[in-house]
Amino acid sequence: MESIVQSESELTDSAFHSSHILNVDRVAAIRQEMEYLNTIGKRFVAAIDRFQVHRALLAALQELYSFSACSILLRGDPFELSIIPCYPLSQAFLQAVVQRIASAARVIDFPHINVEELAVTSYLDAPDELSTVLVQDTVGGSEIGSCLNIPLTVENRIVGMLSLFDEHVGTFDTELLKLTTMIADYAAVALENVRLRERETALWRQAELGRERLELIISSMAEGLLITDARGAITLLNYSAQHLLTQAQIDLQQDIPLRSLALTSDVPWLDKLAEIIDRALAGETVMNQEIIAGEIRESVPLTLSISAAPLHESNQLQLYPIGVVAVLND
């Protein structure tokens, strides 16, 4: 009886010891996977353009598989297809890659894809180290042995497709599919961020170009142009306005409301100009108001015709103007 109890105790201890070892191994495996995901996540976060995203993706996948090439197909008009080889590939292999991508894209509900157009617009983004490989016998085979396609999703939207290809059969382990999908998700978010950044940069450049054109138009106008802020302080005077005011022998300071300048100035017509600007700031459009800016005793005093209109933000509804645009003519 004692031997039976001892045997059961030994079995229990052995089972506990084995379970403990399995738990330790499992924790170690989870920790290793988390460290791996943290490392590749940092690579994707650091990527500032799509080519750096491609490099981060290639490095992450090569730690899991040995394969011939991967590709990224992005939705758009037209579609954007980047093929990233791991070593020099034959033309026949690349053609087969494009055909496989087109077929897989149709399965995941992409719009109609023309294989010929996709082949023409595709971009071969070979790593820099492959540019030194010129020996013809290093080119891979012509047939695809294994292929893996994973949708690229951002916020439950399919934005593209990741594909992996290899000459050999059975390359892509289904046990690694979940981890590969996580890598694809990282890549999808990184590519979407790059696309948004590129769009933001393009809009900024467009706005900057528009601003430069507007400045050119304003500076070349024959009429004098005066712009104020909401306080009635001058923020912009074009060359013609400066010339007219110089003729009137006055130098209007910017960033000080015209009403304040008028109160401290002995120039008689400045009060009239401040009144016109105040009326426009109140929402009124003032047309063709004449101001005698020269000396009255002059035989032909300088007379300015001033029109002013309230300035509003184009994309906002505001009760009060953000400034005034005034046109000066002599």
Protein backbone atom coordinates (compact mmCIF):
# COMPACT_ATOMS: atom_id res chain seq x y z
CA MET A 1 0.00 0.00 0.00
CA GLU A 2 2.83 2.34 0.91
CA SER A 3 4.54 1.71 -2.45
CA ILE A 4 1.31 2.48 -4.29
CA VAL A 5 0.92 5.81 -2.45
CA GLN A 6 4.56 6.62 -3.12
CA SER A 7 4.14 5.86 -6.83
CA GLU A 8 1.07 8.10 -7.03
CA SER A 9 2.99 10.87 -5.26
CA GLU A 10 5.89 10.53 -7.66
CA LEU A 11 3.52 10.64 -10.63
CA THR A 12 1.87 13.79 -9.25
CA ASP A 13 5.24 15.45 -8.72
CA SER A 14 6.35 14.44 -12.21
CA ALA A 15 3.16 15.79 -13.78
CA PHE A 16 3.50 19.05 -11.85
CA HIS A 17 7.15 19.34 -12.90
CA SER A 18 6.26 18.69 -16.56
CA SER A 19 3.39 21.20 -16.41
CA HIS A 20 5.70 23.78 -14.86
CA ILE A 21 8.27 23.26 -17.63
CA LEU A 22 5.54 23.62 -20.27
CA ASN A 23 4.31 26.86 -18.67
CA VAL A 24 7.84 28.23 -18.51
CA ASP A 25 8.39 27.35 -22.17
CA ARG A 26 5.04 28.90 -23.10
CA VAL A 27 5.81 32.13 -21.24
CA ALA A 28 9.23 32.26 -22.86
CA ALA A 29 7.68 31.75 -26.31
CA ILE A 30 5.09 34.48 -25.66
CA ARG A 31 7.79 36.85 -24.41
CA GLN A 32 9.90 36.14 -27.49
CA GLU A 33 6.92 36.76 -29.79
CA MET A 34 6.09 40.03 -28.01
CA GLU A 35 9.70 41.21 -28.32
CA TYR A 36 9.61 40.33 -32.02
CA LEU A 37 6.35 42.23 -32.57
CA ASN A 38 7.69 45.19 -30.59
CA THR A 39 10.82 45.28 -32.75
CA ILE A 40 8.99 45.16 -36.07
CA GLY A 41 6.39 47.62 -34.78
CA LYS A 42 9.15 50.16 -34.13
CA ARG A 43 10.47 49.63 -37.66
CA PHE A 44 7.08 50.39 -39.16
CA VAL A 45 6.53 53.43 -36.93
CA ALA A 46 9.93 54.81 -37.96
CA ALA A 47 9.14 54.45 -41.68
CA ILE A 48 8.57 57.87 -43.27
CA ASP A 49 7.83 56.73 -46.83
CA ARG A 50 6.48 53.64 -48.58
CA PHE A 51 9.95 52.40 -49.49
CA GLN A 52 10.96 52.31 -45.83
CA VAL A 53 7.71 50.46 -45.10
CA HIS A 54 8.69 47.93 -47.77
CA ARG A 55 12.10 47.45 -46.13
CA ALA A 56 10.53 46.98 -42.70
CA LEU A 57 8.05 44.48 -44.14
CA LEU A 58 10.73 42.51 -45.98
CA ALA A 59 12.92 42.33 -42.86
CA ALA A 60 10.00 41.13 -40.71
CA LEU A 61 8.90 38.44 -43.17
CA GLN A 62 12.43 37.17 -43.75
CA GLU A 63 12.68 36.39 -40.04
CA LEU A 64 9.77 33.96 -40.51
CA TYR A 65 10.26 32.53 -44.00
CA SER A 66 12.78 32.04 -46.75
CA PHE A 67 10.97 33.13 -49.92
CA SER A 68 11.54 34.54 -53.40
CA ALA A 69 9.50 37.75 -53.34
CA CYS A 70 6.68 39.60 -51.66
CA SER A 71 4.35 42.21 -53.11
CA ILE A 72 1.99 44.94 -51.96
CA LEU A 73 -1.11 45.82 -53.97
CA LEU A 74 -2.87 49.02 -52.87
CA ARG A 75 -6.31 50.20 -53.87
CA GLY A 76 -6.39 53.36 -55.92
CA ASP A 77 -6.96 54.77 -59.35
CA PRO A 78 -4.86 53.27 -60.75
CA PHE A 79 -3.85 50.41 -58.48
CA GLU A 80 -0.36 50.58 -57.00
CA LEU A 81 1.62 47.34 -57.16
CA SER A 82 5.09 47.05 -55.66
CA ILE A 83 7.01 43.79 -56.09
CA ILE A 84 9.90 43.28 -53.66
CA PRO A 85 12.29 40.47 -54.69
CA CYS A 86 14.64 38.78 -52.24
CA TYR A 87 17.02 37.87 -55.07
CA PRO A 88 17.10 38.39 -58.87
CA LEU A 89 14.04 36.79 -60.48
CA SER A 90 13.36 35.70 -64.04
CA GLN A 91 10.90 37.58 -66.24
CA ALA A 92 8.68 34.49 -66.40
CA PHE A 93 8.49 34.35 -62.60
CA LEU A 94 7.56 38.03 -62.38
CA GLN A 95 4.84 37.59 -64.99
CA ALA A 96 3.45 34.67 -63.00
CA VAL A 97 3.53 36.83 -59.86
CA VAL A 98 1.41 39.55 -61.50
CA GLN A 99 -1.11 36.98 -62.76
CA ARG A 100 -1.41 35.40 -59.30
CA ILE A 101 -1.90 38.82 -57.70
CA ALA A 102 -4.65 39.74 -60.15
CA SER A 103 -6.46 36.44 -59.54
CA ALA A 104 -6.22 36.72 -55.75
CA ALA A 105 -7.37 40.36 -55.80
CA ARG A 106 -10.57 39.37 -57.57
CA VAL A 107 -11.30 36.83 -54.83
CA ILE A 108 -11.15 39.47 -52.07
CA ASP A 109 -13.59 41.70 -53.94
CA PHE A 110 -11.24 44.14 -55.61
CA PRO A 111 -12.68 46.01 -58.60
CA HIS A 112 -11.90 44.61 -62.02
CA ILE A 113 -8.16 44.32 -62.51
CA ASN A 114 -6.58 44.09 -65.93
CA VAL A 115 -3.45 41.91 -65.79
CA GLU A 116 -1.74 43.80 -68.62
CA GLU A 117 -2.37 47.21 -67.04
CA LEU A 118 -1.26 45.91 -63.65
CA ALA A 119 1.98 44.62 -65.18
CA VAL A 120 2.67 47.98 -66.81
CA THR A 121 2.04 50.01 -63.65
CA SER A 122 3.85 47.62 -61.29
CA TYR A 123 7.04 48.80 -59.61
CA LEU A 124 9.98 46.48 -58.88
CA ASP A 125 11.32 47.73 -55.56
CA ALA A 126 14.49 45.67 -55.31
CA PRO A 127 16.68 46.08 -52.19
CA ASP A 128 19.86 48.07 -52.78
CA GLU A 129 22.09 45.05 -52.25
CA LEU A 130 20.59 43.35 -55.31
CA SER A 131 21.84 46.13 -57.60
CA THR A 132 25.33 44.64 -57.43
CA VAL A 133 24.17 41.16 -58.49
CA LEU A 134 24.76 40.91 -62.23
CA VAL A 135 25.56 37.25 -62.74
CA GLN A 136 22.90 35.66 -64.92
CA ASP A 137 23.08 32.23 -63.33
CA THR A 138 21.91 33.68 -59.99
CA VAL A 139 18.45 34.39 -61.44
CA GLY A 140 15.74 32.22 -59.87
CA GLY A 141 13.37 29.79 -61.52
CA SER A 142 10.35 30.52 -63.68
CA GLU A 143 7.56 28.81 -61.72
CA ILE A 144 5.81 29.62 -58.45
CA GLY A 145 5.77 26.73 -56.01
CA SER A 146 4.12 28.43 -53.01
CA CYS A 147 1.95 31.51 -52.65
CA LEU A 148 0.30 33.26 -49.70
CA ASN A 149 -2.17 36.17 -49.97
CA ILE A 150 -3.30 38.27 -46.99
CA PRO A 151 -5.67 41.27 -47.17
CA LEU A 152 -4.30 44.54 -45.81
CA THR A 153 -6.95 46.05 -43.55
CA VAL A 154 -7.22 49.38 -41.73
CA GLU A 155 -10.25 49.92 -39.46
CA ASN A 156 -12.05 47.00 -41.10
CA ARG A 157 -11.40 48.44 -44.58
CA ILE A 158 -9.45 46.40 -47.12
CA VAL A 159 -6.87 48.85 -48.46
CA GLY A 160 -4.72 46.35 -50.29
CA MET A 161 -3.19 42.89 -50.33
CA LEU A 162 0.11 41.39 -49.21
CA SER A 163 1.37 38.43 -51.25
CA LEU A 164 4.36 36.14 -50.69
CA PHE A 165 5.86 33.89 -53.37
CA ASP A 166 8.47 31.16 -53.45
CA GLU A 167 9.82 28.74 -56.02
CA HIS A 168 9.53 25.79 -53.63
CA VAL A 169 6.39 23.97 -52.54
CA GLY A 170 5.22 24.14 -48.91
CA THR A 171 7.25 27.20 -47.93
CA PHE A 172 4.58 29.04 -45.95
CA ASP A 173 3.75 27.38 -42.64
CA THR A 174 0.08 27.69 -41.68
CA GLU A 175 1.10 27.83 -38.00
CA LEU A 176 2.75 31.19 -38.72
CA LEU A 177 -0.31 32.57 -40.54
CA LYS A 178 -1.60 34.48 -37.50
CA LEU A 179 1.77 36.12 -36.94
CA THR A 180 2.08 36.92 -40.65
CA THR A 181 -1.37 38.53 -40.57
CA MET A 182 -0.28 40.71 -37.66
CA ILE A 183 2.74 41.84 -39.69
CA ALA A 184 0.41 42.61 -42.60
CA ASP A 185 -1.73 44.74 -40.26
CA TYR A 186 1.35 46.68 -39.16
CA ALA A 187 2.27 47.26 -42.80
CA ALA A 188 -1.28 48.33 -43.71
CA VAL A 189 -1.40 50.98 -40.97
CA ALA A 190 2.10 52.21 -41.85
CA LEU A 191 1.23 52.49 -45.55
CA GLU A 192 -2.02 54.30 -44.77
CA ASN A 193 -0.12 56.76 -42.57
CA VAL A 194 2.38 57.34 -45.38
CA ARG A 195 -0.47 57.90 -47.84
CA LEU A 196 -2.12 60.44 -45.51
CA ARG A 197 1.22 62.17 -44.97
CA GLU A 198 1.80 62.36 -48.73
CA ARG A 199 -1.71 63.76 -49.26
CA GLU A 200 -1.19 66.34 -46.49
CA THR A 201 2.15 67.37 -48.01
CA ALA A 202 0.56 67.69 -51.46
CA LEU A 203 -2.25 69.86 -50.06
CA TRP A 204 0.26 72.01 -48.19
CA ARG A 205 2.32 72.49 -51.35
CA GLN A 206 -0.83 73.35 -53.29
CA ALA A 207 -1.83 75.91 -50.65
CA GLU A 208 1.68 77.37 -50.60
CA LEU A 209 1.68 77.65 -54.39
CA GLY A 210 -1.69 79.38 -54.24
CA ARG A 211 -0.40 81.80 -51.61
CA GLU A 212 2.66 82.62 -53.73
CA ARG A 213 0.47 83.22 -56.79
CA LEU A 214 -1.85 85.45 -54.77
CA GLU A 215 1.09 87.46 -53.47
CA LEU A 216 2.35 87.87 -57.03
CA ILE A 217 -1.08 89.07 -58.20
CA ILE A 218 -1.42 91.48 -55.29
CA SER A 219 2.06 92.91 -55.72
CA SER A 220 1.54 93.48 -59.45
CA MET A 221 -1.87 95.19 -59.13
CA ALA A 222 -2.09 98.76 -60.40
CA GLU A 223 -4.60 99.54 -57.65
CA GLY A 224 -3.45 100.03 -54.11
CA LEU A 225 -4.49 97.16 -51.83
CA LEU A 226 -4.72 97.47 -48.07
CA ILE A 227 -5.71 94.56 -45.80
CA THR A 228 -6.39 94.81 -42.08
CA ASP A 229 -7.07 92.34 -39.30
CA ALA A 230 -10.17 92.28 -37.08
CA ARG A 231 -8.77 95.16 -34.98
CA GLY A 232 -8.35 97.39 -38.01
CA ALA A 233 -4.56 97.11 -37.97
CA ILE A 234 -2.84 96.95 -41.36
CA THR A 235 -1.42 93.51 -42.13
CA LEU A 236 -0.64 93.98 -45.82
CA LEU A 237 0.09 96.88 -48.17
CA ASN A 238 0.97 96.17 -51.78
CA TYR A 239 3.48 98.25 -53.72
CA SER A 240 0.84 100.52 -55.29
CA ALA A 241 -0.72 101.32 -51.90
CA GLN A 242 2.70 102.09 -50.43
CA HIS A 243 3.42 104.39 -53.39
CA LEU A 244 0.12 106.28 -52.97
CA LEU A 245 0.64 106.70 -49.23
CA THR A 246 4.20 107.85 -49.81
CA GLN A 247 2.83 110.53 -52.14
CA ALA A 248 0.54 111.55 -49.30
CA GLN A 249 3.67 111.81 -47.12
CA ILE A 250 2.53 109.33 -44.50
CA ASP A 251 4.02 106.07 -43.29
CA LEU A 252 1.28 103.90 -41.80
CA GLN A 253 2.58 101.57 -39.11
CA GLN A 254 1.43 97.99 -39.30
CA ASP A 255 0.00 96.01 -36.35
CA ILE A 256 -1.52 99.19 -34.84
CA PRO A 257 -5.27 99.80 -35.36
CA LEU A 258 -5.92 102.70 -37.72
CA ARG A 259 -8.31 104.23 -35.18
CA SER A 260 -5.46 104.40 -32.64
CA LEU A 261 -3.14 105.92 -35.25
CA ALA A 262 -5.77 108.51 -36.16
CA LEU A 263 -6.15 109.61 -32.52
CA THR A 264 -2.43 110.31 -32.19
CA SER A 265 -1.81 111.71 -35.69
CA ASP A 266 -2.18 115.24 -36.99
CA VAL A 267 -2.92 113.95 -40.53
CA PRO A 268 -6.52 115.13 -41.09
CA TRP A 269 -7.63 112.48 -43.60
CA LEU A 270 -6.42 109.53 -41.50
CA ASP A 271 -9.54 109.82 -39.34
CA LYS A 272 -11.68 109.45 -42.48
CA LEU A 273 -9.73 106.33 -43.54
CA ALA A 274 -10.17 104.82 -40.06
CA GLU A 275 -13.91 105.53 -40.28
CA ILE A 276 -14.15 103.66 -43.62
CA ILE A 277 -12.29 100.67 -42.16
CA ASP A 278 -14.52 100.68 -39.04
CA ARG A 279 -17.65 100.65 -41.22
CA ALA A 280 -16.31 97.65 -43.15
CA LEU A 281 -15.44 95.87 -39.88
CA ALA A 282 -19.08 96.37 -38.88
CA GLY A 283 -20.10 94.40 -41.98
CA GLU A 284 -20.77 97.26 -44.40
CA THR A 285 -19.37 97.40 -47.92
CA VAL A 286 -18.12 100.94 -48.58
CA MET A 287 -17.81 102.08 -52.20
CA ASN A 288 -15.83 104.91 -53.80
CA GLN A 289 -15.30 107.17 -50.82
CA GLU A 290 -13.06 110.11 -51.71
CA ILE A 291 -10.36 111.38 -49.39
CA ILE A 292 -8.21 114.42 -50.07
CA ALA A 293 -4.83 113.08 -48.98
CA GLY A 294 -2.71 115.96 -50.28
CA GLU A 295 -2.47 119.51 -49.06
CA ILE A 296 -5.65 121.46 -49.84
CA ARG A 297 -3.61 124.52 -50.75
CA GLU A 298 -1.94 122.55 -53.55
CA SER A 299 -3.22 123.40 -57.05
CA VAL A 300 -4.08 119.72 -57.64
CA PRO A 301 -4.26 117.96 -54.26
CA LEU A 302 -3.90 114.14 -54.15
CA THR A 303 -7.35 112.62 -53.98
CA LEU A 304 -7.81 108.95 -53.10
CA SER A 305 -10.91 106.92 -53.94
CA ILE A 306 -11.32 104.13 -51.39
CA SER A 307 -13.59 101.09 -51.45
CA ALA A 308 -13.60 98.65 -48.53
CA ALA A 309 -15.33 95.33 -47.86
CA PRO A 310 -15.46 93.01 -44.84
CA LEU A 311 -13.27 89.92 -45.04
CA HIS A 312 -14.71 86.58 -43.86
CA GLU A 313 -13.25 83.09 -43.58
CA SER A 314 -14.38 81.13 -46.64
CA ASN A 315 -15.13 77.92 -44.72
CA GLN A 316 -16.66 79.36 -41.54
CA LEU A 317 -19.81 81.21 -40.56
CA GLN A 318 -18.82 84.17 -38.39
CA LEU A 319 -20.78 87.09 -36.96
CA TYR A 320 -17.90 89.48 -37.38
CA PRO A 321 -15.31 89.88 -40.16
CA ILE A 322 -11.74 88.77 -39.62
CA GLY A 323 -10.51 91.90 -41.37
CA VAL A 324 -11.05 94.36 -44.19
CA VAL A 325 -9.89 94.54 -47.80
CA ALA A 326 -9.59 98.10 -49.09
CA VAL A 327 -8.75 99.24 -52.63
CA LEU A 328 -7.11 102.65 -53.14
CA ASN A 329 -7.08 104.60 -56.41
CA ASP A 330 -5.82 108.09 -57.14
